[in-house]
Amino acid sequence: MKAIIICESVSHGNTLKVANAIAEVIGAKVVKPAEFDAETACDYDLIGLGSGIYYGKHHKSLMELAEKLPNCRKSIFIFSTSGKGAISQHRHLSDIISRKGYRNAGEFTCKGWDTWGPLKYIGGINKGLPNEAMIEQAREFARGLKA
């Protein structure tokens, strides 16, 4: 299986920790959206798209990349970290990949340290997250993708 993970991890490296754990299990390389040529998407059997959540959506660079992906019948999984840690925040990205003809292979999210906006004045929320238990959940998610 040829796999790649495209991840934008900006603030505290929360999402990169999750991406690396998944990559370890499925044998994928982790790259930033700016490093990925959208035209090569059909060369992969499995693509992971992940970032932190900003204003209820994945990072702008990831959303823009998703719009550039060529239509092909491949599998994509979606992941994220956020203060909320809610799968419902994947809706916008999920809609794009569905419209493009990709199969949603699964979704993973967990809470992450969030110091956005006024939260920075109180030290943020979810400090220390994702923790090792959450990273292990990401590995378990990846084992399911591999199966």
N, C-alpha and C. Protein backbone atom coordinates (compact mmCIF):
# COMPACT_ATOMS: atom_id res chain seq x y z
N MET A 1 0.86 -1.18 0.00
CA MET A 1 0.00 0.00 0.00
C MET A 1 0.90 1.24 0.00
N LYS A 2 0.68 2.12 -0.95
CA LYS A 2 1.43 3.37 -1.01
C LYS A 2 0.58 4.45 -0.33
N ALA A 3 1.14 5.02 0.74
CA ALA A 3 0.38 5.99 1.53
C ALA A 3 1.20 7.24 1.79
N ILE A 4 0.49 8.34 1.95
CA ILE A 4 1.11 9.62 2.31
C ILE A 4 0.17 10.36 3.25
N ILE A 5 0.76 11.12 4.16
CA ILE A 5 -0.03 11.93 5.08
C ILE A 5 0.35 13.39 4.86
N ILE A 6 -0.65 14.20 4.62
CA ILE A 6 -0.47 15.63 4.40
C ILE A 6 -1.00 16.34 5.64
N CYS A 7 -0.11 17.03 6.34
CA CYS A 7 -0.45 17.57 7.66
C CYS A 7 0.06 19.00 7.81
N GLU A 8 -0.82 19.86 8.28
CA GLU A 8 -0.43 21.23 8.65
C GLU A 8 -0.58 21.34 10.16
N SER A 9 0.54 21.46 10.84
CA SER A 9 0.55 21.54 12.30
C SER A 9 1.24 22.84 12.68
N VAL A 10 0.48 23.83 13.10
CA VAL A 10 0.99 25.19 13.23
C VAL A 10 1.37 25.58 14.66
N SER A 11 0.48 25.49 15.60
CA SER A 11 0.67 26.11 16.91
C SER A 11 1.63 25.38 17.84
N HIS A 12 1.28 24.18 18.23
CA HIS A 12 2.05 23.48 19.26
C HIS A 12 2.55 22.11 18.82
N GLY A 13 2.35 21.75 17.56
CA GLY A 13 2.78 20.44 17.08
C GLY A 13 1.85 19.31 17.46
N ASN A 14 0.65 19.65 17.95
CA ASN A 14 -0.32 18.63 18.36
C ASN A 14 -0.64 17.67 17.22
N THR A 15 -0.99 18.23 16.08
CA THR A 15 -1.45 17.40 14.96
C THR A 15 -0.29 16.62 14.35
N LEU A 16 0.89 17.19 14.37
CA LEU A 16 2.06 16.47 13.85
C LEU A 16 2.35 15.22 14.69
N LYS A 17 2.13 15.28 16.00
CA LYS A 17 2.30 14.10 16.85
C LYS A 17 1.36 12.98 16.39
N VAL A 18 0.11 13.36 16.11
CA VAL A 18 -0.87 12.38 15.65
C VAL A 18 -0.47 11.84 14.27
N ALA A 19 -0.07 12.73 13.37
CA ALA A 19 0.33 12.32 12.02
C ALA A 19 1.50 11.35 12.07
N ASN A 20 2.48 11.63 12.89
CA ASN A 20 3.65 10.75 12.99
C ASN A 20 3.29 9.39 13.54
N ALA A 21 2.38 9.34 14.51
CA ALA A 21 1.94 8.06 15.07
C ALA A 21 1.22 7.22 14.02
N ILE A 22 0.36 7.84 13.24
CA ILE A 22 -0.36 7.13 12.18
C ILE A 22 0.63 6.68 11.10
N ALA A 23 1.54 7.57 10.71
CA ALA A 23 2.53 7.26 9.67
C ALA A 23 3.39 6.07 10.05
N GLU A 24 3.76 6.00 11.31
CA GLU A 24 4.57 4.90 11.83
C GLU A 24 3.89 3.56 11.56
N VAL A 25 2.59 3.50 11.78
CA VAL A 25 1.84 2.25 11.65
C VAL A 25 1.59 1.88 10.18
N ILE A 26 1.24 2.87 9.35
CA ILE A 26 0.88 2.54 7.96
C ILE A 26 2.06 2.68 6.99
N GLY A 27 3.21 3.10 7.50
CA GLY A 27 4.39 3.22 6.64
C GLY A 27 4.29 4.37 5.65
N ALA A 28 3.85 5.51 6.12
CA ALA A 28 3.66 6.67 5.25
C ALA A 28 4.66 7.77 5.57
N LYS A 29 4.89 8.61 4.59
CA LYS A 29 5.69 9.82 4.77
C LYS A 29 4.73 10.93 5.16
N VAL A 30 5.18 11.87 6.01
CA VAL A 30 4.38 13.02 6.41
C VAL A 30 4.96 14.26 5.73
N VAL A 31 4.09 14.99 5.01
CA VAL A 31 4.51 16.22 4.32
C VAL A 31 3.51 17.34 4.62
N LYS A 32 3.96 18.57 4.41
CA LYS A 32 3.08 19.73 4.54
C LYS A 32 2.31 19.92 3.23
N PRO A 33 1.15 20.57 3.27
CA PRO A 33 0.40 20.82 2.03
C PRO A 33 1.23 21.50 0.95
N ALA A 34 2.09 22.44 1.33
CA ALA A 34 2.91 23.15 0.36
C ALA A 34 3.95 22.25 -0.31
N GLU A 35 4.24 21.11 0.31
CA GLU A 35 5.23 20.17 -0.23
C GLU A 35 4.62 19.09 -1.11
N PHE A 36 3.29 19.06 -1.20
CA PHE A 36 2.61 17.99 -1.92
C PHE A 36 2.07 18.48 -3.25
N ASP A 37 2.40 17.77 -4.31
CA ASP A 37 1.88 18.07 -5.64
C ASP A 37 0.53 17.37 -5.80
N ALA A 38 -0.54 18.13 -5.81
CA ALA A 38 -1.89 17.56 -5.88
C ALA A 38 -2.06 16.64 -7.07
N GLU A 39 -1.36 16.90 -8.16
CA GLU A 39 -1.50 16.07 -9.35
C GLU A 39 -1.01 14.63 -9.15
N THR A 40 -0.24 14.40 -8.08
CA THR A 40 0.27 13.03 -7.82
C THR A 40 -0.67 12.23 -6.92
N ALA A 41 -1.77 12.79 -6.50
CA ALA A 41 -2.68 12.13 -5.56
C ALA A 41 -3.12 10.75 -6.03
N CYS A 42 -3.37 10.61 -7.30
CA CYS A 42 -3.86 9.33 -7.82
C CYS A 42 -2.79 8.24 -7.79
N ASP A 43 -1.55 8.61 -7.50
CA ASP A 43 -0.46 7.63 -7.39
C ASP A 43 -0.49 6.90 -6.06
N TYR A 44 -1.31 7.38 -5.11
CA TYR A 44 -1.35 6.81 -3.77
C TYR A 44 -2.60 5.97 -3.56
N ASP A 45 -2.46 4.90 -2.79
CA ASP A 45 -3.61 4.08 -2.42
C ASP A 45 -4.39 4.70 -1.27
N LEU A 46 -3.66 5.40 -0.39
CA LEU A 46 -4.27 5.99 0.80
C LEU A 46 -3.60 7.33 1.08
N ILE A 47 -4.44 8.33 1.32
CA ILE A 47 -3.96 9.68 1.63
C ILE A 47 -4.59 10.12 2.95
N GLY A 48 -3.76 10.68 3.82
CA GLY A 48 -4.25 11.25 5.07
C GLY A 48 -4.22 12.76 4.98
N LEU A 49 -5.27 13.41 5.41
CA LEU A 49 -5.34 14.87 5.43
C LEU A 49 -5.64 15.30 6.86
N GLY A 50 -4.76 16.11 7.44
CA GLY A 50 -4.99 16.52 8.82
C GLY A 50 -4.37 17.85 9.18
N SER A 51 -5.00 18.50 10.15
CA SER A 51 -4.50 19.76 10.69
C SER A 51 -5.25 20.04 11.99
N GLY A 52 -4.86 21.14 12.61
CA GLY A 52 -5.66 21.65 13.69
C GLY A 52 -6.93 22.24 13.11
N ILE A 53 -7.85 22.58 13.97
CA ILE A 53 -9.12 23.16 13.52
C ILE A 53 -9.11 24.66 13.83
N TYR A 54 -9.48 25.45 12.82
CA TYR A 54 -9.50 26.90 12.91
C TYR A 54 -10.86 27.40 12.47
N TYR A 55 -11.57 28.06 13.34
CA TYR A 55 -12.92 28.57 13.02
C TYR A 55 -13.81 27.45 12.51
N GLY A 56 -13.70 26.26 13.10
CA GLY A 56 -14.57 25.14 12.75
C GLY A 56 -14.17 24.36 11.51
N LYS A 57 -13.00 24.65 10.93
CA LYS A 57 -12.53 23.96 9.72
C LYS A 57 -11.06 23.60 9.86
N HIS A 58 -10.63 22.72 8.98
CA HIS A 58 -9.20 22.42 8.90
C HIS A 58 -8.45 23.66 8.40
N HIS A 59 -7.15 23.66 8.56
CA HIS A 59 -6.30 24.78 8.17
C HIS A 59 -6.54 25.14 6.70
N LYS A 60 -6.50 26.41 6.41
CA LYS A 60 -6.76 26.93 5.07
C LYS A 60 -5.89 26.26 4.00
N SER A 61 -4.63 26.02 4.29
CA SER A 61 -3.73 25.41 3.30
C SER A 61 -4.18 24.00 2.94
N LEU A 62 -4.72 23.27 3.91
CA LEU A 62 -5.20 21.92 3.66
C LEU A 62 -6.50 21.94 2.86
N MET A 63 -7.38 22.88 3.18
CA MET A 63 -8.64 23.02 2.45
C MET A 63 -8.36 23.39 0.98
N GLU A 64 -7.42 24.30 0.77
CA GLU A 64 -7.06 24.70 -0.60
C GLU A 64 -6.46 23.53 -1.37
N LEU A 65 -5.62 22.74 -0.72
CA LEU A 65 -5.04 21.57 -1.38
C LEU A 65 -6.14 20.58 -1.76
N ALA A 66 -7.07 20.34 -0.85
CA ALA A 66 -8.16 19.39 -1.12
C ALA A 66 -8.94 19.81 -2.36
N GLU A 67 -9.15 21.10 -2.53
CA GLU A 67 -9.87 21.60 -3.71
C GLU A 67 -9.08 21.35 -5.00
N LYS A 68 -7.76 21.27 -4.91
CA LYS A 68 -6.92 21.05 -6.09
C LYS A 68 -6.74 19.58 -6.45
N LEU A 69 -7.13 18.68 -5.56
CA LEU A 69 -6.94 17.25 -5.84
C LEU A 69 -7.71 16.84 -7.08
N PRO A 70 -7.08 16.04 -7.94
CA PRO A 70 -7.80 15.56 -9.12
C PRO A 70 -8.86 14.53 -8.71
N ASN A 71 -9.88 14.38 -9.50
CA ASN A 71 -10.91 13.40 -9.22
C ASN A 71 -10.35 12.01 -9.48
N CYS A 72 -10.30 11.19 -8.44
CA CYS A 72 -9.92 9.79 -8.62
C CYS A 72 -10.51 8.97 -7.49
N ARG A 73 -10.71 7.74 -7.74
CA ARG A 73 -11.39 6.84 -6.80
C ARG A 73 -10.39 6.21 -5.84
N LYS A 74 -9.80 7.01 -5.00
CA LYS A 74 -8.84 6.54 -4.01
C LYS A 74 -9.41 6.75 -2.62
N SER A 75 -8.68 6.32 -1.60
CA SER A 75 -9.14 6.45 -0.21
C SER A 75 -8.39 7.56 0.51
N ILE A 76 -9.15 8.35 1.25
CA ILE A 76 -8.59 9.42 2.06
C ILE A 76 -9.13 9.28 3.48
N PHE A 77 -8.24 9.45 4.46
CA PHE A 77 -8.71 9.55 5.84
C PHE A 77 -8.43 10.97 6.32
N ILE A 78 -9.23 11.41 7.28
CA ILE A 78 -9.16 12.77 7.80
C ILE A 78 -8.85 12.69 9.29
N PHE A 79 -8.00 13.61 9.75
CA PHE A 79 -7.71 13.66 11.18
C PHE A 79 -7.50 15.11 11.61
N SER A 80 -7.61 15.33 12.91
CA SER A 80 -7.44 16.69 13.43
C SER A 80 -7.17 16.65 14.93
N THR A 81 -6.71 17.79 15.43
CA THR A 81 -6.68 18.07 16.85
C THR A 81 -7.32 19.44 17.04
N SER A 82 -7.94 19.63 18.18
CA SER A 82 -8.56 20.93 18.47
C SER A 82 -8.90 21.02 19.94
N GLY A 83 -9.25 22.20 20.36
CA GLY A 83 -9.69 22.38 21.74
C GLY A 83 -10.95 21.57 22.02
N LYS A 84 -11.78 21.45 21.03
CA LYS A 84 -13.06 20.74 21.15
C LYS A 84 -12.90 19.24 20.92
N GLY A 85 -12.10 18.86 19.91
CA GLY A 85 -11.90 17.45 19.61
C GLY A 85 -13.14 16.77 19.06
N ALA A 86 -13.85 17.44 18.14
CA ALA A 86 -15.12 16.90 17.63
C ALA A 86 -15.03 16.54 16.14
N ILE A 87 -15.43 15.32 15.80
CA ILE A 87 -15.44 14.85 14.41
C ILE A 87 -16.31 15.75 13.54
N SER A 88 -17.34 16.36 14.12
CA SER A 88 -18.24 17.21 13.33
C SER A 88 -17.48 18.34 12.64
N GLN A 89 -16.30 18.69 13.15
CA GLN A 89 -15.50 19.74 12.54
C GLN A 89 -14.83 19.29 11.24
N HIS A 90 -14.97 18.04 10.89
CA HIS A 90 -14.41 17.50 9.65
C HIS A 90 -15.35 17.68 8.45
N ARG A 91 -16.55 18.12 8.71
CA ARG A 91 -17.60 18.16 7.68
C ARG A 91 -17.16 18.87 6.40
N HIS A 92 -16.55 20.03 6.51
CA HIS A 92 -16.17 20.80 5.32
C HIS A 92 -15.16 20.05 4.46
N LEU A 93 -14.15 19.49 5.08
CA LEU A 93 -13.14 18.73 4.34
C LEU A 93 -13.74 17.44 3.78
N SER A 94 -14.57 16.79 4.56
CA SER A 94 -15.24 15.57 4.11
C SER A 94 -16.10 15.83 2.88
N ASP A 95 -16.79 16.96 2.86
CA ASP A 95 -17.62 17.31 1.71
C ASP A 95 -16.78 17.48 0.44
N ILE A 96 -15.61 18.09 0.58
CA ILE A 96 -14.74 18.30 -0.58
C ILE A 96 -14.26 16.96 -1.13
N ILE A 97 -13.77 16.08 -0.26
CA ILE A 97 -13.23 14.82 -0.79
C ILE A 97 -14.33 13.94 -1.37
N SER A 98 -15.51 14.01 -0.80
CA SER A 98 -16.64 13.26 -1.34
C SER A 98 -17.01 13.76 -2.73
N ARG A 99 -17.07 15.07 -2.87
CA ARG A 99 -17.39 15.67 -4.17
C ARG A 99 -16.36 15.30 -5.23
N LYS A 100 -15.11 15.11 -4.80
CA LYS A 100 -14.03 14.78 -5.72
C LYS A 100 -13.99 13.29 -6.07
N GLY A 101 -14.85 12.49 -5.45
CA GLY A 101 -14.92 11.07 -5.77
C GLY A 101 -14.04 10.17 -4.92
N TYR A 102 -13.48 10.71 -3.84
CA TYR A 102 -12.65 9.89 -2.96
C TYR A 102 -13.52 9.16 -1.95
N ARG A 103 -13.03 8.01 -1.52
CA ARG A 103 -13.71 7.24 -0.47
C ARG A 103 -13.16 7.68 0.87
N ASN A 104 -14.03 8.02 1.82
CA ASN A 104 -13.60 8.40 3.16
C ASN A 104 -13.28 7.11 3.91
N ALA A 105 -11.98 6.88 4.15
CA ALA A 105 -11.53 5.65 4.79
C ALA A 105 -11.67 5.69 6.31
N GLY A 106 -11.97 6.86 6.86
CA GLY A 106 -12.14 6.98 8.30
C GLY A 106 -11.72 8.34 8.80
N GLU A 107 -12.07 8.62 10.05
CA GLU A 107 -11.77 9.92 10.64
C GLU A 107 -11.31 9.73 12.08
N PHE A 108 -10.34 10.55 12.46
CA PHE A 108 -9.82 10.52 13.83
C PHE A 108 -9.65 11.95 14.32
N THR A 109 -10.00 12.19 15.55
CA THR A 109 -9.75 13.48 16.18
C THR A 109 -9.47 13.28 17.65
N CYS A 110 -8.76 14.21 18.21
CA CYS A 110 -8.57 14.22 19.65
C CYS A 110 -8.34 15.66 20.08
N LYS A 111 -8.46 15.88 21.36
CA LYS A 111 -8.22 17.22 21.89
C LYS A 111 -6.73 17.52 21.86
N GLY A 112 -6.43 18.81 21.69
CA GLY A 112 -5.05 19.26 21.71
C GLY A 112 -4.96 20.57 22.47
N TRP A 113 -3.75 20.90 22.86
CA TRP A 113 -3.51 22.15 23.58
C TRP A 113 -3.91 23.31 22.69
N ASP A 114 -4.78 24.15 23.17
CA ASP A 114 -5.35 25.24 22.39
C ASP A 114 -5.12 26.56 23.11
N THR A 115 -4.37 27.46 22.47
CA THR A 115 -4.10 28.78 23.06
C THR A 115 -4.56 29.88 22.12
N TRP A 116 -5.60 29.60 21.34
CA TRP A 116 -6.10 30.57 20.37
C TRP A 116 -6.82 31.71 21.08
N GLY A 117 -6.67 32.89 20.53
CA GLY A 117 -7.40 34.07 20.99
C GLY A 117 -7.27 34.33 22.48
N PRO A 118 -8.39 34.56 23.15
CA PRO A 118 -8.34 34.90 24.57
C PRO A 118 -7.85 33.75 25.45
N LEU A 119 -7.86 32.52 24.94
CA LEU A 119 -7.38 31.38 25.73
C LEU A 119 -5.92 31.53 26.11
N LYS A 120 -5.15 32.28 25.28
CA LYS A 120 -3.72 32.44 25.57
C LYS A 120 -3.50 33.16 26.90
N TYR A 121 -4.43 34.00 27.32
CA TYR A 121 -4.29 34.76 28.56
C TYR A 121 -4.44 33.90 29.81
N ILE A 122 -5.05 32.73 29.65
CA ILE A 122 -5.20 31.83 30.79
C ILE A 122 -4.34 30.58 30.64
N GLY A 123 -3.42 30.59 29.66
CA GLY A 123 -2.54 29.45 29.45
C GLY A 123 -3.13 28.39 28.54
N GLY A 124 -4.28 28.69 27.95
CA GLY A 124 -4.92 27.77 27.02
C GLY A 124 -5.75 26.71 27.72
N ILE A 125 -6.25 25.80 26.90
CA ILE A 125 -7.01 24.65 27.42
C ILE A 125 -6.35 23.38 26.89
N ASN A 126 -6.55 22.31 27.58
CA ASN A 126 -6.05 20.99 27.19
C ASN A 126 -4.52 20.92 27.15
N LYS A 127 -3.86 21.67 28.01
CA LYS A 127 -2.40 21.63 28.04
C LYS A 127 -1.93 20.19 28.28
N GLY A 128 -0.93 19.78 27.52
CA GLY A 128 -0.41 18.42 27.64
C GLY A 128 -1.11 17.42 26.74
N LEU A 129 -2.08 17.89 25.98
CA LEU A 129 -2.79 17.00 25.06
C LEU A 129 -2.35 17.30 23.62
N PRO A 130 -2.28 16.32 22.77
CA PRO A 130 -2.63 14.93 23.02
C PRO A 130 -1.58 14.23 23.88
N ASN A 131 -2.06 13.40 24.78
CA ASN A 131 -1.16 12.65 25.65
C ASN A 131 -0.88 11.27 25.03
N GLU A 132 -0.10 10.47 25.71
CA GLU A 132 0.30 9.17 25.15
C GLU A 132 -0.90 8.26 24.90
N ALA A 133 -1.91 8.32 25.76
CA ALA A 133 -3.12 7.50 25.55
C ALA A 133 -3.81 7.89 24.24
N MET A 134 -3.87 9.18 23.95
CA MET A 134 -4.50 9.64 22.71
C MET A 134 -3.65 9.27 21.49
N ILE A 135 -2.34 9.34 21.64
CA ILE A 135 -1.45 8.93 20.55
C ILE A 135 -1.62 7.44 20.27
N GLU A 136 -1.82 6.66 21.32
CA GLU A 136 -2.06 5.22 21.14
C GLU A 136 -3.41 5.00 20.44
N GLN A 137 -4.40 5.84 20.72
CA GLN A 137 -5.67 5.74 20.01
C GLN A 137 -5.47 6.04 18.51
N ALA A 138 -4.59 6.98 18.20
CA ALA A 138 -4.28 7.28 16.80
C ALA A 138 -3.61 6.07 16.14
N ARG A 139 -2.72 5.41 16.87
CA ARG A 139 -2.08 4.20 16.32
C ARG A 139 -3.12 3.10 16.07
N GLU A 140 -4.06 2.97 17.00
CA GLU A 140 -5.13 1.97 16.85
C GLU A 140 -5.99 2.31 15.62
N PHE A 141 -6.31 3.57 15.45
CA PHE A 141 -7.04 4.02 14.25
C PHE A 141 -6.26 3.61 13.00
N ALA A 142 -4.94 3.83 13.02
CA ALA A 142 -4.09 3.50 11.87
C ALA A 142 -4.07 2.00 11.60
N ARG A 143 -4.05 1.20 12.66
CA ARG A 143 -4.09 -0.27 12.46
C ARG A 143 -5.37 -0.67 11.74
N GLY A 144 -6.46 0.03 12.06
CA GLY A 144 -7.74 -0.22 11.36
C GLY A 144 -7.66 0.17 9.89
N LEU A 145 -6.96 1.25 9.59
CA LEU A 145 -6.79 1.66 8.20
C LEU A 145 -5.98 0.62 7.43
N LYS A 146 -4.96 0.11 8.09
CA LYS A 146 -4.07 -0.85 7.47
C LYS A 146 -4.80 -2.16 7.18
N ALA A 147 -5.71 -2.55 8.08
CA ALA A 147 -6.46 -3.80 7.90
C ALA A 147 -7.41 -3.66 6.73
